[in-house]
Amino acid sequence: MVAEAGRRMEERIFTAELIENPYPVYRRLREEASFHFDVGTGELLITRYADVAAALKHPRLSAQRGAEAGFPMPAFLHGLMRPVTRMLSRQMLFSDPPDHTRLRSLASRAFVPRVVEGMRRRIQGIADELLDAADGRGPVDLIGTYAAWLPVVVIAEMLDVPMQNQTRIKLWSDDLALFIGGSTMPLPAVLLRAARGVFQLRRTFRQVVRQRRRGPGRDDLLGALLAAEERGDTLTEEELVANSVLLLAAGHETTTNLIGNGVLALLRHPDQLDLLRREPELIESAVEELLRYDSPVQWTGRVALEDLEINGGRVREGQAVAISLGAANRDPDQFSDPERLDIRRAEARHLAFSHGIHFCLGAALARLEGQIAIQTLLRRFPDLRLAGGEPEWRGNFTLRGLERLPVLLR
């Protein structure tokens, strides 16, 4: 029986069960109560579409919660993690207005539709280069050979990261993602990897910034951030480095998941795969449906600045809140037959890119990369199929994506 609005239940939700297939859990949570309290993380969980949309736009739910929300740790480890949380606190993802407004406005010029559309040829070239290298081989891991590298190369070029550093920055970014997203790994291992990732990423971007300052100015993403930092009134060096790290990590982690999750969903739904092959003009609506069906980002977090209500549900001041984008995108009150993959679906109001002032800055770029990556793969390999065995999911609650996806390129 569906619970009344505002009812809250308590249990431990963030377990290994949520990694492999979270959607049966989400369905139960939506049906049982408006809110759930996770006794493991101390967070209030919101899973229904209407509640999620309201929470994402609520002005008194703060994103400036620090990365430790939902990831409790012993007090003696806080010192180890201070460089990590200090850097995250300077990123626009973890900030509120007016800082969020200022930081976002500086980076947004690189993601306007005109600029993103101008990158189409380069993205297509990267996709073809990666598939050229994989063609003719036996079973390949689509994540390690294609899905993970296309967005890494794109965003690294936007931020002027040298080619020889791209493999390492992906590794360090993955280390940081374990901490931000919550992991099934033992806590000490997660914290140590996060600390390593932050140290190395900060050092890399400081080197890139020093080199760029010695050269002529350029009209690119890093150039825009550098110009603002050098004016001294809008961006500090710490904010410059921190948000370069954010744009790098967000620019490839989520798009890798979009490509990998999307291809897997199509391969598991051959009727939809055949439809997309017959009607390639459906690629835009297909990508929107793939974003809804298996969202690259499953959760986002806030903290209540005061006692407040969300659609009749009460949230106490100081309460950490985990908001489920993935659960909202399968809510039958919003989407008809939400468990069905339908690339012709007209209901496009998914929340995969969040909602409100924290709507994903790079959404247009991610959409374009997803469209090109999936369409190119299907065009070049019309008999693409799974190579056998179960795909391997990454142990990350927030960033839902595949560790490996073995396929036959045919």
Protein backbone atom coordinates (compact mmCIF):
# COMPACT_ATOMS: atom_id res chain seq x y z
CA MET A 1 0.00 0.00 0.00
CA VAL A 2 1.31 3.46 -0.88
CA ALA A 3 2.14 5.46 2.23
CA GLU A 4 0.70 8.85 2.97
CA ALA A 5 2.76 11.98 2.24
CA GLY A 6 5.33 12.79 4.88
CA ARG A 7 5.63 9.28 6.31
CA ARG A 8 9.22 8.25 7.04
CA MET A 9 10.74 4.77 7.38
CA GLU A 10 14.17 3.74 8.71
CA GLU A 11 16.54 1.07 7.39
CA ARG A 12 19.95 0.63 5.76
CA ILE A 13 19.60 1.30 2.04
CA PHE A 14 23.13 1.78 0.76
CA THR A 15 24.24 -1.83 0.52
CA ALA A 16 25.80 -3.95 -2.24
CA GLU A 17 22.29 -4.81 -3.45
CA LEU A 18 21.93 -1.24 -4.70
CA ILE A 19 24.94 -1.50 -7.02
CA GLU A 20 23.90 -4.37 -9.30
CA ASN A 21 20.28 -3.33 -9.84
CA PRO A 22 18.91 -0.46 -7.75
CA TYR A 23 15.53 -0.19 -9.45
CA PRO A 24 13.56 -2.82 -7.51
CA VAL A 25 14.79 -1.13 -4.32
CA TYR A 26 13.75 2.27 -5.63
CA ARG A 27 10.30 0.99 -6.54
CA ARG A 28 9.79 -0.35 -3.02
CA LEU A 29 10.99 2.91 -1.46
CA ARG A 30 8.64 5.00 -3.58
CA GLU A 31 5.69 2.79 -2.72
CA GLU A 32 6.34 2.54 1.02
CA ALA A 33 6.89 6.14 2.10
CA SER A 34 7.69 9.69 1.06
CA PHE A 35 10.99 9.67 2.93
CA HIS A 36 13.31 6.97 4.23
CA PHE A 37 16.04 7.42 6.82
CA ASP A 38 19.23 5.49 6.12
CA VAL A 39 20.63 4.39 9.46
CA GLY A 40 24.04 3.74 7.90
CA THR A 41 24.67 7.19 6.46
CA GLY A 42 22.31 9.29 8.58
CA GLU A 43 20.66 10.71 5.45
CA LEU A 44 17.02 11.32 4.66
CA LEU A 45 16.28 9.71 1.28
CA ILE A 46 13.85 11.22 -1.23
CA THR A 47 12.79 9.04 -4.17
CA ARG A 48 9.45 10.22 -5.65
CA TYR A 49 9.61 12.45 -8.72
CA ALA A 50 7.49 15.29 -7.35
CA ASP A 51 9.43 15.34 -4.08
CA VAL A 52 12.80 15.10 -5.84
CA ALA A 53 11.96 17.99 -8.20
CA ALA A 54 10.77 20.11 -5.27
CA ALA A 55 13.85 19.32 -3.19
CA LEU A 56 16.25 20.17 -6.02
CA LYS A 57 14.68 23.64 -6.31
CA HIS A 58 14.21 24.32 -2.60
CA PRO A 59 16.23 27.44 -1.66
CA ARG A 60 16.78 26.27 1.93
CA LEU A 61 18.30 22.92 0.97
CA SER A 62 21.97 23.75 0.64
CA ALA A 63 24.50 22.12 -1.69
CA GLN A 64 27.24 23.55 0.49
CA ARG A 65 27.22 20.49 2.66
CA GLY A 66 30.79 19.28 2.26
CA ALA A 67 31.66 15.91 0.82
CA GLU A 68 31.40 14.21 4.20
CA ALA A 69 27.59 14.29 4.20
CA GLY A 70 26.39 10.75 3.75
CA PHE A 71 29.91 9.41 4.29
CA PRO A 72 30.49 9.34 8.05
CA MET A 73 34.06 8.75 9.16
CA PRO A 74 35.98 8.55 12.45
CA ALA A 75 37.16 11.89 13.77
CA PHE A 76 40.85 10.93 13.46
CA LEU A 77 40.46 10.62 9.66
CA HIS A 78 39.19 14.16 9.19
CA GLY A 79 42.74 15.49 9.10
CA LEU A 80 43.66 13.15 6.26
CA MET A 81 40.64 14.24 4.30
CA ARG A 82 40.95 17.99 4.95
CA PRO A 83 42.67 18.71 1.58
CA VAL A 84 39.93 16.75 -0.19
CA THR A 85 37.00 18.47 1.51
CA ARG A 86 38.73 21.87 1.24
CA MET A 87 39.02 21.51 -2.53
CA LEU A 88 35.46 20.20 -2.93
CA SER A 89 34.10 23.13 -0.91
CA ARG A 90 35.45 25.49 -3.60
CA GLN A 91 33.67 23.72 -6.44
CA MET A 92 30.42 25.07 -7.81
CA LEU A 93 28.80 21.65 -7.29
CA PHE A 94 29.14 22.13 -3.52
CA SER A 95 28.29 25.82 -3.33
CA ASP A 96 25.22 28.04 -2.98
CA PRO A 97 24.51 31.53 -4.34
CA PRO A 98 26.17 33.95 -4.59
CA ASP A 99 29.37 31.86 -4.93
CA HIS A 100 27.63 29.28 -7.10
CA THR A 101 26.24 31.97 -9.40
CA ARG A 102 29.66 33.58 -9.80
CA LEU A 103 31.53 30.33 -10.45
CA ARG A 104 28.93 28.94 -12.84
CA SER A 105 28.77 32.11 -14.91
CA LEU A 106 32.52 31.98 -15.52
CA ALA A 107 32.47 28.42 -16.86
CA SER A 108 29.13 28.53 -18.67
CA ARG A 109 30.45 30.39 -21.72
CA ALA A 110 32.30 27.23 -22.82
CA PHE A 111 29.09 25.19 -22.83
CA VAL A 112 26.64 27.39 -24.74
CA PRO A 113 24.95 25.55 -27.66
CA ARG A 114 26.95 27.38 -30.35
CA VAL A 115 30.28 26.38 -28.81
CA VAL A 116 29.18 22.81 -28.14
CA GLU A 117 27.86 22.36 -31.69
CA GLY A 118 31.21 23.64 -32.97
CA MET A 119 32.85 20.63 -31.29
CA ARG A 120 30.83 18.09 -33.28
CA ARG A 121 33.54 17.42 -35.87
CA ARG A 122 36.25 16.91 -33.25
CA ILE A 123 34.07 14.57 -31.16
CA GLN A 124 33.25 12.56 -34.29
CA GLY A 125 36.95 12.34 -35.07
CA ILE A 126 37.78 11.05 -31.59
CA ALA A 127 35.01 8.43 -31.82
CA ASP A 128 36.31 7.20 -35.17
CA GLU A 129 39.93 7.10 -33.95
CA LEU A 130 39.01 5.01 -30.93
CA LEU A 131 36.90 2.57 -32.95
CA ASP A 132 39.61 2.32 -35.62
CA ALA A 133 41.99 1.13 -32.91
CA ALA A 134 39.49 -1.45 -31.62
CA ASP A 135 38.24 -2.73 -35.01
CA GLY A 136 39.37 -6.19 -36.08
CA ARG A 137 40.05 -7.44 -32.58
CA GLY A 138 38.18 -10.19 -30.78
CA PRO A 139 35.95 -9.43 -27.80
CA VAL A 140 36.74 -5.97 -26.43
CA ASP A 141 35.83 -4.09 -23.29
CA LEU A 142 33.72 -1.25 -24.65
CA ILE A 143 34.30 0.84 -21.51
CA GLY A 144 38.09 0.56 -21.48
CA THR A 145 38.51 1.00 -25.23
CA TYR A 146 35.80 3.53 -26.08
CA ALA A 147 33.23 4.81 -23.59
CA ALA A 148 35.76 5.91 -20.98
CA TRP A 149 38.13 7.59 -23.41
CA LEU A 150 35.96 9.64 -25.73
CA PRO A 151 34.79 12.07 -22.99
CA VAL A 152 38.22 12.08 -21.31
CA VAL A 153 39.90 13.29 -24.49
CA VAL A 154 37.18 15.88 -25.14
CA ILE A 155 37.25 17.52 -21.71
CA ALA A 156 41.04 17.22 -21.36
CA GLU A 157 41.46 19.13 -24.63
CA MET A 158 39.01 21.77 -23.41
CA LEU A 159 41.12 22.19 -20.28
CA ASP A 160 44.44 21.96 -22.16
CA VAL A 161 45.67 18.89 -20.27
CA PRO A 162 48.63 17.35 -22.16
CA MET A 163 47.94 14.04 -23.92
CA GLN A 164 50.58 12.18 -21.89
CA ASN A 165 48.70 13.02 -18.68
CA GLN A 166 45.26 11.83 -19.77
CA THR A 167 45.61 8.22 -18.60
CA ARG A 168 46.76 9.34 -15.18
CA ILE A 169 44.13 12.02 -14.71
CA LYS A 170 41.42 9.48 -15.44
CA LEU A 171 42.83 7.21 -12.73
CA TRP A 172 43.02 10.06 -10.22
CA SER A 173 39.54 11.27 -11.10
CA ASP A 174 38.18 7.75 -10.56
CA ASP A 175 39.84 7.75 -7.12
CA LEU A 176 38.06 10.97 -6.19
CA ALA A 177 34.74 9.68 -7.56
CA LEU A 178 34.82 6.78 -5.09
CA PHE A 179 34.72 9.27 -2.24
CA ILE A 180 32.14 11.64 -3.69
CA GLY A 181 29.80 8.89 -4.83
CA GLY A 182 30.01 6.50 -1.91
CA SER A 183 31.65 3.14 -2.40
CA THR A 184 31.35 -0.50 -1.37
CA MET A 185 35.13 -0.55 -0.79
CA PRO A 186 36.51 -0.44 2.79
CA LEU A 187 36.51 3.14 4.07
CA PRO A 188 40.30 3.48 4.64
CA ALA A 189 41.01 2.42 1.05
CA VAL A 190 38.48 4.93 -0.30
CA LEU A 191 39.91 7.77 1.77
CA LEU A 192 43.50 7.04 0.82
CA ARG A 193 42.66 6.86 -2.87
CA ALA A 194 40.66 10.09 -2.68
CA ALA A 195 43.56 11.87 -0.95
CA ARG A 196 45.95 10.61 -3.63
CA GLY A 197 43.62 11.66 -6.42
CA VAL A 198 43.18 15.19 -5.08
CA PHE A 199 46.91 15.66 -4.50
CA GLN A 200 47.80 14.56 -8.02
CA LEU A 201 44.97 16.44 -9.76
CA ARG A 202 45.78 19.68 -7.95
CA ARG A 203 49.46 19.33 -8.83
CA THR A 204 48.66 18.62 -12.50
CA PHE A 205 46.35 21.60 -12.89
CA ARG A 206 48.75 23.94 -11.12
CA GLN A 207 51.41 22.92 -13.64
CA VAL A 208 49.00 23.47 -16.54
CA VAL A 209 48.03 26.88 -15.16
CA ARG A 210 51.68 27.96 -14.76
CA GLN A 211 52.45 26.95 -18.34
CA ARG A 212 49.40 28.73 -19.72
CA ARG A 213 50.29 31.93 -17.86
CA ARG A 214 53.66 32.01 -19.62
CA GLY A 215 52.06 31.72 -23.05
CA PRO A 216 49.61 33.81 -25.07
CA GLY A 217 45.97 33.93 -24.02
CA ARG A 218 43.59 31.53 -25.74
CA ASP A 219 39.84 31.55 -26.19
CA ASP A 220 39.04 28.22 -24.52
CA LEU A 221 37.56 27.00 -21.23
CA LEU A 222 40.78 27.23 -19.25
CA GLY A 223 41.58 30.58 -20.87
CA ALA A 224 38.27 32.01 -19.65
CA LEU A 225 38.91 30.80 -16.12
CA LEU A 226 42.48 32.11 -16.15
CA ALA A 227 41.37 35.54 -17.32
CA ALA A 228 38.89 35.74 -14.46
CA GLU A 229 41.48 34.59 -11.91
CA GLU A 230 44.03 37.12 -13.14
CA ARG A 231 41.54 39.97 -12.73
CA GLY A 232 41.56 39.09 -9.04
CA ASP A 233 37.98 40.06 -8.32
CA THR A 234 36.02 36.98 -9.40
CA LEU A 235 38.09 33.82 -9.02
CA THR A 236 40.89 32.81 -6.68
CA GLU A 237 43.63 30.39 -7.71
CA GLU A 238 42.21 27.74 -5.38
CA GLU A 239 38.79 28.11 -7.01
CA LEU A 240 40.39 27.95 -10.46
CA VAL A 241 42.15 24.67 -9.70
CA ALA A 242 39.19 23.17 -7.81
CA ASN A 243 36.70 23.89 -10.59
CA SER A 244 39.10 22.68 -13.27
CA VAL A 245 39.19 19.38 -11.38
CA LEU A 246 35.39 19.39 -11.15
CA LEU A 247 34.93 20.06 -14.87
CA LEU A 248 37.41 17.34 -15.71
CA ALA A 249 35.81 14.75 -13.44
CA ALA A 250 32.20 15.63 -14.23
CA GLY A 251 33.05 15.98 -17.90
CA HIS A 252 34.03 12.37 -18.31
CA GLU A 253 32.69 10.25 -15.44
CA THR A 254 29.03 10.89 -16.21
CA THR A 255 29.35 10.73 -20.00
CA THR A 256 31.23 7.44 -19.76
CA ASN A 257 28.28 6.11 -17.78
CA LEU A 258 25.79 7.48 -20.31
CA ILE A 259 27.54 5.69 -23.19
CA GLY A 260 28.14 2.42 -21.33
CA ASN A 261 24.74 2.19 -19.64
CA GLY A 262 23.04 3.26 -22.86
CA VAL A 263 24.72 0.67 -25.06
CA LEU A 264 24.01 -2.08 -22.53
CA ALA A 265 20.33 -1.09 -22.34
CA LEU A 266 20.04 -1.21 -26.13
CA LEU A 267 21.77 -4.59 -26.36
CA ARG A 268 19.37 -5.95 -23.73
CA HIS A 269 16.38 -4.57 -25.66
CA PRO A 270 16.93 -5.75 -29.24
CA ASP A 271 13.62 -4.32 -30.44
CA GLN A 272 14.78 -0.82 -29.48
CA LEU A 273 18.24 -1.44 -30.89
CA ASP A 274 16.76 -2.55 -34.22
CA LEU A 275 14.45 0.48 -34.24
CA LEU A 276 17.38 2.86 -33.74
CA ARG A 277 19.33 1.16 -36.51
CA ARG A 278 16.39 1.47 -38.89
CA GLU A 279 15.65 5.06 -37.90
CA PRO A 280 18.94 6.72 -36.88
CA GLU A 281 17.16 10.08 -36.75
CA LEU A 282 15.76 8.89 -33.41
CA ILE A 283 19.17 9.25 -31.76
CA GLU A 284 18.26 12.44 -29.87
CA SER A 285 15.13 11.00 -28.28
CA ALA A 286 16.98 7.70 -27.74
CA VAL A 287 19.68 9.40 -25.69
CA GLU A 288 17.06 11.20 -23.59
CA GLU A 289 15.34 7.88 -22.89
CA LEU A 290 18.63 6.17 -22.04
CA LEU A 291 19.41 9.00 -19.61
CA ARG A 292 16.04 8.42 -17.94
CA TYR A 293 16.12 4.64 -18.01
CA ASP A 294 19.52 4.12 -16.34
CA SER A 295 20.73 7.51 -15.15
CA PRO A 296 24.51 8.10 -15.02
CA VAL A 297 24.08 10.03 -11.75
CA GLN A 298 21.75 8.29 -9.31
CA TRP A 299 21.94 10.55 -6.24
CA THR A 300 22.74 14.09 -5.24
CA GLY A 301 22.89 15.60 -1.77
CA ARG A 302 21.76 18.63 0.21
CA VAL A 303 21.51 19.72 3.85
CA ALA A 304 18.58 21.59 5.41
CA LEU A 305 19.47 25.12 6.53
CA GLU A 306 16.33 25.28 8.70
CA ASP A 307 13.22 23.23 9.51
CA LEU A 308 11.24 22.93 6.28
CA GLU A 309 8.59 20.94 4.43
CA ILE A 310 8.66 19.21 1.06
CA ASN A 311 5.20 18.29 -0.20
CA GLY A 312 4.03 17.74 3.36
CA GLY A 313 7.15 15.91 4.52
CA ARG A 314 9.14 17.54 7.33
CA VAL A 315 12.92 17.97 7.24
CA ARG A 316 14.76 19.15 10.33
CA GLU A 317 17.48 21.80 10.31
CA GLY A 318 20.92 20.26 9.75
CA GLN A 319 19.54 17.05 8.26
CA ALA A 320 21.57 15.64 5.34
CA VAL A 321 19.30 14.73 2.44
CA ALA A 322 20.04 12.24 -0.36
CA ILE A 323 17.93 12.93 -3.45
CA SER A 324 17.51 10.05 -5.90
CA LEU A 325 17.52 11.12 -9.54
CA GLY A 326 17.51 7.47 -10.59
CA ALA A 327 14.41 6.62 -8.56
CA ALA A 328 12.54 9.73 -9.72
CA ASN A 329 13.20 8.80 -13.34
CA ARG A 330 11.33 5.50 -12.88
CA ASP A 331 8.34 7.00 -11.02
CA PRO A 332 5.05 5.79 -12.59
CA ASP A 333 3.32 8.96 -11.39
CA GLN A 334 5.51 10.86 -13.86
CA PHE A 335 6.28 8.37 -16.65
CA SER A 336 3.91 5.85 -18.20
CA ASP A 337 5.24 2.28 -17.98
CA PRO A 338 8.55 3.58 -16.59
CA GLU A 339 10.29 0.18 -16.45
CA ARG A 340 10.03 -0.10 -20.25
CA LEU A 341 12.75 1.27 -22.53
CA ASP A 342 11.06 3.28 -25.27
CA ILE A 343 13.30 5.40 -27.49
CA ARG A 344 10.22 7.07 -28.99
CA ARG A 345 9.05 8.22 -25.55
CA ALA A 346 7.58 11.71 -25.72
CA GLU A 347 7.89 12.37 -21.95
CA ALA A 348 11.34 13.94 -21.78
CA ARG A 349 11.15 15.62 -18.38
CA HIS A 350 13.72 13.34 -16.78
CA LEU A 351 15.98 14.56 -13.98
CA ALA A 352 19.19 12.86 -15.07
CA PHE A 353 20.91 16.25 -15.31
CA SER A 354 19.36 17.42 -12.02
CA HIS A 355 17.03 20.42 -11.78
CA GLY A 356 17.08 24.03 -10.66
CA ILE A 357 20.25 26.09 -10.31
CA HIS A 358 22.45 22.98 -10.22
CA PHE A 359 21.19 21.68 -13.56
CA CYS A 360 24.24 20.11 -15.23
CA LEU A 361 26.41 22.78 -16.83
CA GLY A 362 27.69 20.34 -19.46
CA ALA A 363 24.34 18.77 -20.36
CA ALA A 364 24.48 19.88 -24.01
CA LEU A 365 28.01 18.52 -24.39
CA ALA A 366 27.11 15.22 -22.71
CA ARG A 367 24.08 14.82 -24.98
CA LEU A 368 26.16 15.46 -28.09
CA GLU A 369 28.90 13.06 -27.00
CA GLY A 370 26.33 10.38 -26.21
CA GLN A 371 24.57 10.81 -29.55
CA ILE A 372 27.79 10.66 -31.57
CA ALA A 373 29.32 7.81 -29.56
CA ILE A 374 26.28 5.53 -29.75
CA GLN A 375 25.31 6.33 -33.34
CA THR A 376 28.88 5.86 -34.62
CA LEU A 377 29.22 2.54 -32.81
CA LEU A 378 25.96 1.18 -34.24
CA ARG A 379 26.72 2.43 -37.74
CA ARG A 380 30.17 0.91 -37.87
CA PHE A 381 29.22 -2.38 -36.21
CA PRO A 382 25.71 -3.32 -37.34
CA ASP A 383 25.89 -6.71 -35.62
CA LEU A 384 27.29 -5.46 -32.30
CA ARG A 385 26.49 -7.89 -29.50
CA LEU A 386 27.39 -8.80 -25.93
CA ALA A 387 30.39 -11.10 -25.68
CA GLY A 388 28.91 -13.24 -22.91
CA GLY A 389 29.05 -13.12 -19.15
CA GLU A 390 27.54 -10.50 -16.90
CA PRO A 391 28.66 -6.86 -17.20
CA GLU A 392 30.64 -5.63 -14.22
CA TRP A 393 29.30 -2.55 -12.37
CA ARG A 394 31.49 -0.07 -10.56
CA GLY A 395 31.09 -0.05 -6.80
CA ASN A 396 29.73 3.51 -6.64
CA PHE A 397 26.26 4.37 -5.36
CA THR A 398 26.03 7.85 -6.90
CA LEU A 399 27.82 7.43 -10.24
CA ARG A 400 26.16 4.39 -11.79
CA GLY A 401 28.37 2.96 -14.49
CA LEU A 402 30.06 -0.14 -15.79
CA GLU A 403 33.57 -1.22 -14.94
CA ARG A 404 33.63 -3.50 -17.97
CA LEU A 405 31.31 -4.24 -20.89
CA PRO A 406 32.64 -7.09 -23.08
CA VAL A 407 31.25 -6.88 -26.62
CA LEU A 408 31.86 -8.35 -30.06
CA LEU A 409 32.45 -5.65 -32.67
CA ARG A 410 30.79 -6.95 -35.84
